[in-house]
C-alpha atoms as a PDB file:
ATOM      1  CA  MET A   1     146.308  68.613 117.343  1.00  0.00           C
ATOM      2  CA  SER A   2     143.395  66.091 117.804  1.00  0.00           C
ATOM      3  CA  GLN A   3     140.215  66.703 119.477  1.00  0.00           C
ATOM      4  CA  GLU A   4     138.742  64.389 121.935  1.00  0.00           C
ATOM      5  CA  MET A   5     134.953  63.202 121.169  1.00  0.00           C
ATOM      6  CA  PRO A   6     132.737  63.441 124.142  1.00  0.00           C
ATOM      7  CA  ASP A   7     131.751  60.205 125.967  1.00  0.00           C
ATOM      8  CA  LEU A   8     127.954  59.206 124.916  1.00  0.00           C
ATOM      9  CA  THR A   9     125.208  59.789 127.174  1.00  0.00           C
ATOM     10  CA  ILE A  10     122.981  56.927 127.957  1.00  0.00           C
ATOM     11  CA  GLU A  11     119.563  57.689 127.359  1.00  0.00           C
ATOM     12  CA  TYR A  12     116.354  54.818 127.961  1.00  0.00           C
ATOM     13  CA  CYS A  13     113.307  55.668 125.384  1.00  0.00           C
ATOM     14  CA  TYR A  14     110.182  53.654 125.555  1.00  0.00           C
ATOM     15  CA  THR A  15     109.585  51.877 121.717  1.00  0.00           C
ATOM     16  CA  CYS A  16     106.864  49.796 120.112  1.00  0.00           C
ATOM     17  CA  PRO A  17     107.865  45.927 120.033  1.00  0.00           C
ATOM     18  CA  SER A  18     107.480  46.325 116.534  1.00  0.00           C
ATOM     19  CA  ASN A  19     110.633  47.778 116.060  1.00  0.00           C
ATOM     20  CA  LEU A  20     113.101  45.449 117.422  1.00  0.00           C
ATOM     21  CA  HIS A  21     111.168  42.432 115.774  1.00  0.00           C
ATOM     22  CA  TRP A  22     107.942  41.882 113.915  1.00  0.00           C
ATOM     23  CA  HIS A  23     106.262  38.860 111.627  1.00  0.00           C
ATOM     24  CA  LYS A  24     103.288  38.686 109.740  1.00  0.00           C
ATOM     25  CA  GLU A  25     101.934  35.938 107.378  1.00  0.00           C
ATOM     26  CA  VAL A  26     101.471  37.173 104.050  1.00  0.00           C
ATOM     27  CA  ALA A  27      98.816  34.933 101.181  1.00  0.00           C
ATOM     28  CA  GLY A  28     101.195  35.058  98.142  1.00  0.00           C
ATOM     29  CA  SER A  29      99.663  34.098  94.637  1.00  0.00           C
ATOM     30  CA  LYS A  30      98.543  30.456  94.145  1.00  0.00           C
ATOM     31  CA  GLY A  31      97.980  30.108  97.590  1.00  0.00           C
ATOM     32  CA  LYS A  32     101.463  29.835  98.981  1.00  0.00           C
ATOM     33  CA  LYS A  33     101.629  31.364 102.605  1.00  0.00           C
ATOM     34  CA  TYR A  34     105.118  33.763 103.194  1.00  0.00           C
ATOM     35  CA  ILE A  35     106.025  35.254 106.336  1.00  0.00           C
ATOM     36  CA  VAL A  36     107.919  38.685 106.518  1.00  0.00           C
ATOM     37  CA  THR A  37     109.589  39.754 109.394  1.00  0.00           C
ATOM     38  CA  TYR A  38     111.394  42.822 110.580  1.00  0.00           C
ATOM     39  CA  ASP A  39     114.288  43.311 112.893  1.00  0.00           C
ATOM     40  CA  TRP A  40     115.911  46.080 113.719  1.00  0.00           C
ATOM     41  CA  HIS A  41     119.530  44.527 112.866  1.00  0.00           C
ATOM     42  CA  HIS A  42     118.321  43.154 109.406  1.00  0.00           C
ATOM     43  CA  GLY A  43     115.588  45.452 108.194  1.00  0.00           C
ATOM     44  CA  TYR A  44     112.473  43.932 106.302  1.00  0.00           C
ATOM     45  CA  GLU A  45     112.913  40.002 104.969  1.00  0.00           C
ATOM     46  CA  CYS A  46     110.523  37.614 103.632  1.00  0.00           C
ATOM     47  CA  SER A  47     110.447  33.468 102.838  1.00  0.00           C
ATOM     48  CA  CYS A  48     109.255  33.903  99.259  1.00  0.00           C
ATOM     49  CA  PRO A  49     111.365  32.705  96.810  1.00  0.00           C
ATOM     50  CA  ALA A  50     111.752  35.940  95.114  1.00  0.00           C
ATOM     51  CA  PHE A  51     113.079  37.893  98.084  1.00  0.00           C
ATOM     52  CA  GLN A  52     115.833  34.911  98.567  1.00  0.00           C
ATOM     53  CA  PHE A  53     116.819  35.545  94.974  1.00  0.00           C
ATOM     54  CA  ASN A  54     117.276  39.540  95.355  1.00  0.00           C
ATOM     55  CA  LYS A  55     118.032  40.001  99.205  1.00  0.00           C
ATOM     56  CA  SER A  56     118.569  43.951  98.045  1.00  0.00           C
ATOM     57  CA  LYS A  57     115.377  44.537  96.783  1.00  0.00           C
ATOM     58  CA  ASP A  58     112.033  44.303  99.242  1.00  0.00           C
ATOM     59  CA  CYS A  59     109.538  41.646  97.313  1.00  0.00           C
ATOM     60  CA  LYS A  60     105.843  42.538  96.821  1.00  0.00           C
ATOM     61  CA  HIS A  61     104.963  40.912  99.852  1.00  0.00           C
ATOM     62  CA  ILE A  62     107.037  42.982 102.029  1.00  0.00           C
ATOM     63  CA  THR A  63     105.641  46.194 100.250  1.00  0.00           C
ATOM     64  CA  LYS A  64     102.155  44.838 100.938  1.00  0.00           C
ATOM     65  CA  VAL A  65     102.663  44.206 104.607  1.00  0.00           C
ATOM     66  CA  SER A  66     105.026  46.712 105.726  1.00  0.00           C
ATOM     67  CA  LYS A  67     102.339  49.365 106.706  1.00  0.00           C
ATOM     68  CA  ASP A  68     100.630  47.187 109.038  1.00  0.00           C
ATOM     69  CA  ARG A  69     103.678  47.479 111.763  1.00  0.00           C
ATOM     70  CA  CYS A  70     103.250  49.979 114.135  1.00  0.00           C
ATOM     71  CA  GLY A  71     107.008  51.153 114.105  1.00  0.00           C
ATOM     72  CA  TRP A  72     105.954  53.867 117.337  1.00  0.00           C
ATOM     73  CA  ASN A  73     109.106  55.261 119.204  1.00  0.00           C
ATOM     74  CA  TRP A  74     108.775  57.858 122.055  1.00  0.00           C
ATOM     75  CA  GLU A  75     111.330  60.037 120.287  1.00  0.00           C
ATOM     76  CA  ALA A  76     109.413  60.089 117.526  1.00  0.00           C
ATOM     77  CA  VAL A  77     106.034  61.269 118.318  1.00  0.00           C
ATOM     78  CA  CYS A  78     104.857  64.427 119.487  1.00  0.00           C
ATOM     79  CA  GLY A  79     101.373  65.667 121.129  1.00  0.00           C
ATOM     80  CA  ASP A  80      98.651  63.255 122.539  1.00  0.00           C
ATOM     81  CA  LYS A  81      99.798  59.918 120.842  1.00  0.00           C
ATOM     82  CA  GLY A  82     103.409  60.012 122.429  1.00  0.00           C
ATOM     83  CA  VAL A  83     102.633  59.166 126.020  1.00  0.00           C
ATOM     84  CA  PRO A  84     102.481  55.588 126.324  1.00  0.00           C
ATOM     85  CA  LYS A  85      99.441  54.532 129.100  1.00  0.00           C
ATOM     86  CA  GLU A  86      99.399  52.001 131.907  1.00  0.00           C
ATOM     87  CA  GLY A  87      98.422  48.230 130.973  1.00  0.00           C
ATOM     88  CA  PRO A  88      98.678  45.069 133.312  1.00  0.00           C
ATOM     89  CA  THR A  89     101.875  44.799 133.433  1.00  0.00           C
ATOM     90  CA  GLY A  90     103.566  48.286 132.154  1.00  0.00           C
ATOM     91  CA  LYS A  91     103.364  50.960 129.668  1.00  0.00           C
ATOM     92  CA  LEU A  92     101.474  50.195 126.433  1.00  0.00           C
ATOM     93  CA  CYS A  93     101.940  51.557 122.716  1.00  0.00           C
ATOM     94  CA  PRO A  94      99.841  54.398 122.189  1.00  0.00           C
ATOM     95  CA  LEU A  95      99.317  53.468 118.796  1.00  0.00           C
ATOM     96  CA  CYS A  96      98.780  49.192 119.010  1.00  0.00           C
ATOM     97  CA  ASN A  97      98.361  48.826 122.866  1.00  0.00           C
ATOM     98  CA  GLU A  98     101.725  46.478 122.387  1.00  0.00           C
ATOM     99  CA  GLU A  99     103.296  46.371 125.961  1.00  0.00           C
ATOM    100  CA  VAL A 100     105.888  48.583 124.853  1.00  0.00           C
ATOM    101  CA  SER A 101     109.809  47.877 125.142  1.00  0.00           C
ATOM    102  CA  ILE A 102     112.480  49.863 126.840  1.00  0.00           C
ATOM    103  CA  VAL A 103     115.864  50.338 124.975  1.00  0.00           C
ATOM    104  CA  ARG A 104     119.038  52.223 125.868  1.00  0.00           C
ATOM    105  CA  VAL A 105     120.464  54.759 123.117  1.00  0.00           C
ATOM    106  CA  GLY A 106     123.898  56.788 123.114  1.00  0.00           C
ATOM    107  CA  VAL A 107     123.327  60.232 122.400  1.00  0.00           C
END
Protein backbone atom coordinates (compact mmCIF):
# COMPACT_ATOMS: atom_id res chain seq x y z
CA MET A 1 0.00 0.00 0.00
CA SER A 2 1.55 3.31 -1.05
CA GLN A 3 0.85 6.61 0.54
CA GLU A 4 0.10 9.57 -1.69
CA MET A 5 1.97 12.79 -1.09
CA PRO A 6 -0.27 15.83 -0.74
CA ASP A 7 -0.05 18.50 -3.42
CA LEU A 8 2.11 21.49 -2.69
CA THR A 9 0.41 24.67 -1.64
CA ILE A 10 1.74 27.71 -3.47
CA GLU A 11 2.28 30.76 -1.29
CA TYR A 12 3.83 34.12 -2.05
CA CYS A 13 6.40 35.87 0.08
CA TYR A 14 8.39 39.09 -0.02
CA THR A 15 12.16 38.81 -0.29
CA CYS A 16 15.04 41.24 -0.61
CA PRO A 17 16.45 41.19 -4.16
CA SER A 18 19.80 40.17 -2.63
CA ASN A 19 18.30 36.71 -2.00
CA LEU A 20 17.87 36.24 -5.74
CA HIS A 21 20.85 38.04 -7.30
CA TRP A 22 23.55 40.18 -5.67
CA HIS A 23 27.05 41.37 -6.52
CA LYS A 24 29.78 43.51 -5.02
CA GLU A 25 33.20 44.61 -6.18
CA VAL A 26 36.01 43.88 -3.73
CA ALA A 27 39.64 44.96 -3.80
CA GLY A 28 42.12 42.12 -3.75
CA SER A 29 45.77 42.26 -2.86
CA LYS A 30 48.06 44.02 -5.34
CA GLY A 31 45.27 46.42 -6.34
CA LYS A 32 43.24 43.97 -8.41
CA LYS A 33 39.46 44.15 -8.22
CA TYR A 34 37.20 41.10 -8.16
CA ILE A 35 33.45 40.65 -8.34
CA VAL A 36 31.68 38.53 -5.73
CA THR A 37 28.22 37.43 -6.83
CA TYR A 38 25.37 35.60 -5.15
CA ASP A 39 22.67 33.79 -7.10
CA TRP A 40 19.97 31.68 -5.48
CA HIS A 41 20.73 28.84 -7.92
CA HIS A 42 24.51 28.76 -7.44
CA GLY A 43 25.28 30.50 -4.14
CA TYR A 44 28.40 32.65 -3.90
CA GLU A 45 31.00 32.90 -6.65
CA CYS A 46 34.06 35.12 -7.09
CA SER A 47 36.03 36.16 -10.17
CA CYS A 48 39.39 35.69 -8.40
CA PRO A 49 41.84 32.96 -9.51
CA ALA A 50 41.64 31.16 -6.14
CA PHE A 51 37.88 30.62 -6.46
CA GLN A 52 38.13 29.69 -10.13
CA PHE A 53 40.70 27.02 -9.24
CA ASN A 54 38.82 25.58 -6.24
CA LYS A 55 35.08 26.22 -6.76
CA SER A 56 34.03 24.11 -3.79
CA LYS A 57 35.56 26.50 -1.25
CA ASP A 58 34.76 30.14 -0.47
CA CYS A 59 37.68 32.47 -1.12
CA LYS A 60 38.76 35.30 1.18
CA HIS A 61 36.83 37.82 -0.94
CA ILE A 62 33.53 35.99 -0.43
CA THR A 63 34.24 35.74 3.29
CA LYS A 64 34.99 39.48 3.39
CA VAL A 65 31.83 40.76 1.65
CA SER A 66 29.16 38.07 2.19
CA LYS A 67 28.10 39.83 5.40
CA ASP A 68 27.16 42.87 3.28
CA ARG A 69 24.37 40.96 1.51
CA CYS A 70 21.07 41.78 3.21
CA GLY A 71 19.32 38.42 2.75
CA TRP A 72 16.00 39.50 4.32
CA ASN A 73 12.85 37.56 3.56
CA TRP A 74 9.34 37.73 4.96
CA GLU A 75 9.31 34.24 6.49
CA ALA A 76 12.65 34.55 8.28
CA VAL A 77 11.99 37.63 10.43
CA CYS A 78 9.81 38.53 13.38
CA GLY A 79 8.77 41.74 15.07
CA ASP A 80 8.82 45.29 13.75
CA LYS A 81 11.57 44.65 11.17
CA GLY A 82 9.37 42.11 9.42
CA VAL A 83 6.84 44.38 7.73
CA PRO A 84 7.96 45.97 4.45
CA LYS A 85 7.08 49.65 4.11
CA GLU A 86 5.67 51.21 0.96
CA GLY A 87 8.03 52.89 -1.48
CA PRO A 88 7.35 54.92 -4.62
CA THR A 89 6.82 51.82 -6.78
CA GLY A 90 6.12 49.11 -4.22
CA LYS A 91 7.23 47.61 -0.92
CA LEU A 92 10.76 48.15 0.40
CA CYS A 93 13.04 45.80 2.32
CA PRO A 94 12.92 46.88 5.98
CA LEU A 95 16.68 46.34 6.37
CA CYS A 96 18.27 47.76 3.21
CA ASN A 97 15.40 49.75 1.60
CA GLU A 98 15.69 48.00 -1.78
CA GLU A 99 12.38 47.29 -3.53
CA VAL A 100 11.37 43.76 -2.55
CA SER A 101 10.64 40.92 -4.95
CA ILE A 102 7.61 38.66 -4.66
CA VAL A 103 8.43 34.97 -5.05
CA ARG A 104 6.27 31.86 -5.23
CA VAL A 105 7.08 29.19 -2.68
CA GLY A 106 5.77 25.63 -2.62
CA VAL A 107 4.99 24.43 0.91
